[in-house]
Amino acid sequence: MDSAYKPLPPSVHIFKSEDSLDGLPSIAWYVSARLKDKGIQFTVATGQGKRFTPAQYYQIEQFPLLVVNSTYFDFADNANLSLVVKDGQMLAHNIVSLRGTGNDSMFYYYPTRSAIGIDRKRRADVAWTFTDTTRRWPYAWEDMPVVAKGKDTIPSIYDLHDIEWKWWKMRTAVGGGPVLIHDGKIRITNREEQLFPLSNPKGERNPRTAMGYTRDGRLIILVLQGRTPGTAMGATLQQEAEILLQLGCYEALNLDGGGSSCLLVNGKETIRPSDRDGQRPVPAVFLIKLGK
């Protein structure tokens, strides 16, 4: 679909599919961008306490090549609930604890939520992360998420009882979850990340946004239209993972979806957002800009 969204640099391509998913109508779009191309810049923008639509971010950020929604957030105060890193600085932190239910109501769970980042050498990575407002860098786990709980509402790294972490020194990063692809295989960690822990990854269809990367150095940004009966029903986490695997992703994660899912290329929409009013205002977006 390059010709419909030009001008595009040679390292960026856009694709559309209307193939059905398990016999149901589907519309999917994805962008492939070469990570090593120094003619494009991977970055983020936040609303700094406010929410804006992707089209508004397109204006505010002086017409970037690409705008896509990313993090989970709180509708009440517009706060990001996922990691955001810009120019090596954390602009937003993960949610740090979740109160247990039932027999666990006296405890708090400490989720390690997934994020995708790009470092100074333009290498992408997906990791499970934990953030501390007193630390410059996020803590990261490359092999598996940590499942931990305790009685403190604001835990420290020691409350996670796991020493296999590293400092995640990304120049640009956005969080979401759950992980969908790990080491070239489907691995959906919604329960471990305390994201839809009771849901079946093969069950609920929704609009989706996801990001991943291939071993040959391409960033993949995928959106699936949903909640438009007769046109596009959305996808389950399992279907989303299968698509990303077919696109060659070595690692990938789900981002905020539903009414938040929206991808603009040169200011033009790809999927049709599912909210009745159109694009949903969000507190953070991932951007691709021209120039260093």
Protein backbone atom coordinates (compact mmCIF):
# COMPACT_ATOMS: atom_id res chain seq x y z
CA MET A 1 0.00 0.00 0.00
CA ASP A 2 3.05 2.31 -0.32
CA SER A 3 1.55 4.30 -3.19
CA ALA A 4 -1.54 5.22 -1.13
CA TYR A 5 0.57 6.64 1.72
CA LYS A 6 3.51 8.21 -0.09
CA PRO A 7 5.95 9.73 0.23
CA LEU A 8 7.73 6.95 2.13
CA PRO A 9 11.47 6.39 2.52
CA PRO A 10 12.80 3.24 0.80
CA SER A 11 13.27 1.52 4.18
CA VAL A 12 9.58 1.75 5.15
CA HIS A 13 6.71 -0.23 3.62
CA ILE A 14 3.03 -0.55 4.47
CA PHE A 15 0.81 -3.57 3.84
CA LYS A 16 -2.87 -4.40 4.08
CA SER A 17 -4.61 -7.76 4.35
CA GLU A 18 -8.28 -8.63 4.12
CA ASP A 19 -7.77 -12.38 4.52
CA SER A 20 -10.30 -13.93 6.89
CA LEU A 21 -9.30 -15.15 10.36
CA ASP A 22 -10.75 -18.59 11.10
CA GLY A 23 -13.51 -17.90 8.61
CA LEU A 24 -14.49 -14.49 9.99
CA PRO A 25 -13.91 -11.16 8.21
CA SER A 26 -10.69 -9.37 9.08
CA ILE A 27 -8.76 -6.24 8.17
CA ALA A 28 -5.11 -5.94 9.18
CA TRP A 29 -2.41 -3.42 8.40
CA TYR A 30 1.26 -3.50 9.20
CA VAL A 31 4.29 -1.31 8.68
CA SER A 32 7.80 -2.67 8.24
CA ALA A 33 10.68 -0.28 8.91
CA ARG A 34 14.43 -0.96 8.75
CA LEU A 35 15.90 -0.26 12.18
CA LYS A 36 19.40 0.65 10.92
CA ASP A 37 18.19 3.37 8.54
CA LYS A 38 19.60 6.55 10.06
CA GLY A 39 17.31 8.56 7.82
CA ILE A 40 14.40 7.74 10.13
CA GLN A 41 14.01 8.31 13.86
CA PHE A 42 12.13 6.12 16.32
CA THR A 43 10.72 8.11 19.21
CA VAL A 44 7.64 8.72 21.39
CA ALA A 45 5.38 11.55 22.48
CA THR A 46 3.28 11.94 25.61
CA GLY A 47 0.41 14.23 26.48
CA GLN A 48 2.14 15.35 29.71
CA GLY A 49 -0.92 14.73 31.82
CA LYS A 50 -3.40 15.09 28.96
CA ARG A 51 -4.69 12.79 26.24
CA PHE A 52 -4.70 13.56 22.54
CA THR A 53 -5.89 11.68 19.48
CA PRO A 54 -3.26 10.30 17.10
CA ALA A 55 -4.33 12.98 14.60
CA GLN A 56 -3.65 15.66 17.22
CA TYR A 57 -0.22 14.17 17.97
CA TYR A 58 0.42 14.28 14.22
CA GLN A 59 -0.09 18.05 14.32
CA ILE A 60 1.71 18.64 17.63
CA GLU A 61 4.75 16.62 16.57
CA GLN A 62 5.08 18.43 13.23
CA PHE A 63 3.80 15.75 10.87
CA PRO A 64 5.76 12.57 11.65
CA LEU A 65 5.82 9.69 9.20
CA LEU A 66 3.97 7.34 11.56
CA VAL A 67 1.85 7.62 14.69
CA VAL A 68 0.54 4.58 16.57
CA ASN A 69 -1.06 4.14 19.99
CA SER A 70 0.92 2.25 22.60
CA THR A 71 0.51 2.22 26.40
CA TYR A 72 -2.30 1.28 28.76
CA PHE A 73 -3.65 4.19 30.80
CA ASP A 74 -6.07 5.32 33.48
CA PHE A 75 -9.17 7.04 32.09
CA ALA A 76 -9.70 8.88 35.40
CA ASP A 77 -6.46 10.88 35.45
CA ASN A 78 -4.94 10.19 32.00
CA ALA A 79 -1.90 8.55 33.63
CA ASN A 80 0.16 6.05 31.67
CA LEU A 81 0.17 2.62 33.30
CA SER A 82 3.04 1.40 31.11
CA LEU A 83 6.68 2.30 30.60
CA VAL A 84 7.59 5.16 28.25
CA VAL A 85 11.23 6.07 27.48
CA LYS A 86 12.28 8.99 25.30
CA ASP A 87 15.92 9.89 24.59
CA GLY A 88 16.99 7.55 27.37
CA GLN A 89 14.73 9.15 30.00
CA MET A 90 11.74 7.45 31.62
CA LEU A 91 8.69 9.65 31.07
CA ALA A 92 6.23 7.10 32.49
CA HIS A 93 6.48 4.08 34.74
CA ASN A 94 4.75 0.72 34.96
CA ILE A 95 1.98 0.14 37.44
CA VAL A 96 3.86 -1.27 40.45
CA SER A 97 1.27 -3.32 42.35
CA LEU A 98 -2.18 -4.86 42.03
CA ARG A 99 -4.29 -5.88 45.01
CA GLY A 100 -5.09 -9.57 45.18
CA THR A 101 -8.62 -10.94 45.33
CA GLY A 102 -10.31 -13.63 47.42
CA ASN A 103 -7.83 -15.44 49.63
CA ASP A 104 -5.10 -13.12 48.35
CA SER A 105 -6.87 -9.89 49.27
CA MET A 106 -4.28 -9.15 51.97
CA PHE A 107 -1.49 -9.23 49.39
CA TYR A 108 -0.34 -7.16 46.42
CA TYR A 109 0.99 -8.64 43.19
CA TYR A 110 4.04 -6.98 41.61
CA PRO A 111 3.72 -7.34 37.83
CA THR A 112 6.67 -7.30 35.44
CA ARG A 113 5.07 -5.85 32.34
CA SER A 114 6.46 -6.23 28.85
CA ALA A 115 7.86 -3.42 26.72
CA ILE A 116 9.61 -2.98 23.40
CA GLY A 117 12.69 -0.79 23.19
CA ILE A 118 15.30 0.43 20.70
CA ASP A 119 18.81 1.18 21.95
CA ARG A 120 21.45 3.65 20.73
CA LYS A 121 22.75 1.10 18.23
CA ARG A 122 19.23 0.76 16.78
CA ARG A 123 18.77 -2.76 18.12
CA ALA A 124 15.25 -3.69 19.20
CA ASP A 125 14.39 -5.80 22.24
CA VAL A 126 11.28 -7.03 24.03
CA ALA A 127 11.63 -7.62 27.78
CA TRP A 128 9.58 -7.90 30.94
CA THR A 129 10.20 -4.79 33.02
CA PHE A 130 9.85 -3.33 36.49
CA THR A 131 10.29 0.39 37.15
CA ASP A 132 11.37 2.37 40.19
CA THR A 133 10.90 6.14 40.20
CA THR A 134 14.25 6.54 42.03
CA ARG A 135 16.19 4.72 39.29
CA ARG A 136 17.12 6.05 35.88
CA TRP A 137 16.74 2.75 34.02
CA PRO A 138 14.05 0.07 34.13
CA TYR A 139 14.90 -3.37 35.47
CA ALA A 140 14.46 -6.04 32.80
CA TRP A 141 14.14 -9.80 32.51
CA GLU A 142 14.95 -11.35 29.14
CA ASP A 143 13.94 -14.98 29.73
CA MET A 144 10.68 -14.89 31.66
CA PRO A 145 8.44 -12.57 33.68
CA VAL A 146 8.62 -12.59 37.47
CA VAL A 147 5.52 -13.45 39.49
CA ALA A 148 5.80 -12.06 43.02
CA LYS A 149 3.57 -10.75 45.78
CA GLY A 150 3.86 -9.11 49.19
CA LYS A 151 2.16 -6.78 51.64
CA ASP A 152 3.74 -3.50 50.50
CA THR A 153 1.84 -1.38 48.01
CA ILE A 154 5.08 0.12 46.65
CA PRO A 155 7.65 -2.66 46.30
CA SER A 156 11.38 -2.48 45.73
CA ILE A 157 13.36 -4.74 43.44
CA TYR A 158 14.16 -6.93 46.47
CA ASP A 159 10.48 -7.77 46.89
CA LEU A 160 10.57 -9.55 43.53
CA HIS A 161 13.07 -12.13 44.90
CA ASP A 162 14.78 -12.60 41.55
CA ILE A 163 18.37 -11.63 40.76
CA GLU A 164 18.35 -12.42 37.03
CA TRP A 165 17.63 -8.84 35.97
CA LYS A 166 19.64 -6.26 34.05
CA TRP A 167 19.42 -2.52 33.50
CA TRP A 168 17.40 -1.97 30.34
CA LYS A 169 19.26 0.90 28.67
CA MET A 170 16.93 1.76 25.83
CA ARG A 171 16.88 5.08 24.03
CA THR A 172 13.21 4.69 23.07
CA ALA A 173 10.64 2.32 24.59
CA VAL A 174 6.92 1.82 25.08
CA GLY A 175 5.20 -0.71 27.30
CA GLY A 176 2.04 -2.72 27.04
CA GLY A 177 1.61 -6.47 27.20
CA PRO A 178 1.41 -9.32 27.13
CA VAL A 179 4.38 -10.75 25.27
CA LEU A 180 3.19 -12.73 22.23
CA ILE A 181 6.41 -13.97 20.61
CA HIS A 182 9.59 -14.90 22.51
CA ASP A 183 12.75 -16.33 20.90
CA GLY A 184 10.90 -16.97 17.64
CA LYS A 185 8.03 -18.92 19.21
CA ILE A 186 4.53 -18.04 20.37
CA ARG A 187 4.57 -17.43 24.11
CA ILE A 188 1.64 -15.44 25.52
CA THR A 189 2.30 -14.30 29.09
CA ASN A 190 -0.96 -12.58 29.99
CA ARG A 191 -1.30 -14.45 33.31
CA GLU A 192 2.28 -13.84 34.42
CA GLU A 193 1.99 -10.14 33.58
CA GLN A 194 -1.34 -9.86 35.45
CA LEU A 195 -2.99 -8.67 32.24
CA PHE A 196 -6.37 -10.27 31.62
CA PRO A 197 -5.14 -13.13 33.90
CA LEU A 198 -8.42 -15.05 33.73
CA SER A 199 -8.94 -14.69 29.99
CA ASN A 200 -8.22 -17.32 27.37
CA PRO A 201 -5.73 -16.09 24.72
CA LYS A 202 -7.79 -18.01 22.13
CA GLY A 203 -11.05 -16.40 23.20
CA GLU A 204 -12.02 -12.76 22.94
CA ARG A 205 -11.73 -10.89 19.62
CA ASN A 206 -10.87 -7.20 19.80
CA PRO A 207 -9.15 -4.49 17.80
CA ARG A 208 -5.42 -4.95 18.40
CA THR A 209 -2.15 -3.05 18.24
CA ALA A 210 1.18 -4.87 18.43
CA MET A 211 4.88 -4.31 17.78
CA GLY A 212 7.79 -6.65 17.22
CA TYR A 213 11.03 -7.07 15.35
CA THR A 214 12.62 -9.54 12.97
CA ARG A 215 16.10 -11.06 13.21
CA ASP A 216 17.13 -9.24 10.04
CA GLY A 217 16.55 -5.86 11.69
CA ARG A 218 13.06 -4.73 10.79
CA LEU A 219 10.53 -3.21 13.17
CA ILE A 220 6.98 -4.50 12.63
CA ILE A 221 3.93 -2.46 13.70
CA LEU A 222 0.62 -4.30 13.35
CA VAL A 223 -2.97 -3.12 13.81
CA LEU A 224 -6.14 -5.19 13.41
CA GLN A 225 -9.53 -3.58 12.92
CA GLY A 226 -12.40 -4.86 15.05
CA ARG A 227 -15.92 -4.31 16.38
CA THR A 228 -17.18 -3.52 12.87
CA PRO A 229 -19.67 -6.37 12.25
CA GLY A 230 -19.58 -7.81 8.78
CA THR A 231 -16.30 -6.06 8.01
CA ALA A 232 -13.74 -6.89 10.69
CA MET A 233 -14.22 -8.77 13.94
CA GLY A 234 -10.80 -8.16 15.45
CA ALA A 235 -8.48 -10.89 16.70
CA THR A 236 -7.68 -12.95 19.76
CA LEU A 237 -4.25 -12.75 21.35
CA GLN A 238 -3.48 -16.14 19.84
CA GLN A 239 -4.45 -15.01 16.33
CA GLU A 240 -2.45 -11.81 16.75
CA ALA A 241 0.59 -13.86 17.80
CA GLU A 242 0.22 -16.19 14.82
CA ILE A 243 0.13 -13.23 12.42
CA LEU A 244 3.26 -11.73 13.97
CA LEU A 245 5.05 -15.07 13.75
CA GLN A 246 4.10 -15.36 10.05
CA LEU A 247 5.51 -11.86 9.50
CA GLY A 248 8.85 -13.09 10.81
CA CYS A 249 8.88 -11.55 14.29
CA TYR A 250 11.50 -12.95 16.64
CA GLU A 251 10.00 -11.10 19.60
CA ALA A 252 6.73 -9.16 19.82
CA LEU A 253 4.16 -7.87 22.28
CA ASN A 254 0.58 -6.72 22.39
CA LEU A 255 -0.09 -3.06 23.14
CA ASP A 256 -3.27 -1.26 24.22
CA GLY A 257 -6.09 -2.22 21.89
CA GLY A 258 -9.85 -1.89 21.67
CA GLY A 259 -10.94 1.67 20.98
CA SER A 260 -7.34 2.87 21.38
CA SER A 261 -6.04 0.99 18.33
CA CYS A 262 -5.07 3.47 15.62
CA LEU A 263 -2.24 3.75 13.11
CA LEU A 264 -1.57 6.82 10.99
CA VAL A 265 0.92 6.97 8.12
CA ASN A 266 1.61 10.47 6.83
CA GLY A 267 -1.47 11.56 8.76
CA LYS A 268 -3.83 9.09 7.04
CA GLU A 269 -5.71 6.40 8.92
CA THR A 270 -5.24 2.71 8.20
CA ILE A 271 -7.78 0.72 10.26
CA ARG A 272 -11.00 2.40 11.26
CA PRO A 273 -11.00 3.06 15.03
CA SER A 274 -13.79 1.24 16.84
CA ASP A 275 -15.00 4.05 19.13
CA ARG A 276 -18.20 5.72 17.92
CA ASP A 277 -16.50 9.13 18.00
CA GLY A 278 -13.49 7.95 15.99
CA GLN A 279 -9.94 8.19 17.28
CA ARG A 280 -9.63 7.83 21.05
CA PRO A 281 -7.42 10.34 22.90
CA VAL A 282 -4.42 8.53 24.43
CA PRO A 283 -1.59 9.73 26.73
CA ALA A 284 1.31 8.32 24.68
CA VAL A 285 2.14 7.32 21.10
CA PHE A 286 5.06 5.75 19.29
CA LEU A 287 6.41 7.76 16.34
CA ILE A 288 8.59 7.37 13.31
CA LYS A 289 10.02 10.65 12.05
CA LEU A 290 12.20 11.54 9.09
CA GLY A 291 15.72 12.66 9.88
CA LYS A 292 18.11 11.72 12.67
